[in-house]
Amino acid sequence: MNSVGKSVLSSPAAFFEWCLHSVDQEKIPFRANYPQYFSSSAPYLWRAYDRRLSDVIALVRPGLRVLEIGCGIGSDLHWLALRGADVIGIDVKSEWTEAARELTRHVRDKIRPVTVRIERINLLDLPSAQYDLIYMKDTFHHLEPRDQIVAKIASLLAPGGRIVIVEPNAWNPAIQYKMFRIRGFNTIIDKIDKATGERFIYGNERLVTGGAIASAFARHGIKGSARLFRLLPTALASNSFFVKVANLLERLRIEALLVPACIHSVYTGTKS
């Protein structure tokens, strides 16, 4: 390892924070896409970041075969690779995959060489393979056609493999209202990749509950459940009083009882 300390690899959040402050923002646009992590809200958000990925963190080991769907810039994927996992990330947007490859070069120069496969490809076109872990963050509500997507993911998961899906909580009325203002009633649309001209079907903020996700995968031999957490939206995460109250409720594990207030839903399933 170069001058970067081992603490950078201690968790996805620690590595993500290092990425935010060490990259060339013109080449790898973290600030443009994640401005909330540069704000006074950041301390609360960093704690929530690793909680979202706790199921992934628990599974990481050398040789773990990992597929991230909708990898974006891919900071978590690079963290997994640095911890020894065999990783591939896919995304349908060229601007994301180009930035992810640039991040691979940055990690090579600042930490050590690492193998991270990045592909600009539709999930349904991904060649057959077997993965021990398939995960995605804030991506499932963009994947269509939904039934084909679930079947494809199930076919890619090895027996005993795990799937982790992090989504906004569809039971939260504020989130649903925000999504409705973005999309109206157009829940499925066509989009075009600006770099290639390729047209693809896009789920337009079509949120579903963790229970609905669990039911969909259960039909394909994957048993799992969803958990809800995080009480503060980003707009309130800079208020010290609200942060203290939220931290207390979260430590007491009361947050899961406040279903409409929770921000995140995490589905975890295992293939039999």
Foldseek 3Di string as FASTA:
>chain_A
DAPDDPQCLVALLSVVVCVVPPDDCVLQVPCVVPVLCVDLLNVLVSVVVRVLCVVVVVPQAAAAEEEEEQCFLPSVVVSSQVRHYRYEYEAQAPSRLSNNVVVQVVCCVHPNHTDYHYYNDQLLPDDAEEGQEYEYAQALLWDPPNLSNLLSVLRRYDAFHKYKYKHWAPLAVVLVVVLCVQQPPCQKDWDAHPVPRDIDITGRSRDDHQVVVQVSNVVSQKHKGKFFDDQDDSVCSSPPVVVVVRVVCVVVVVGRVVRNRTTMMMIMITHD
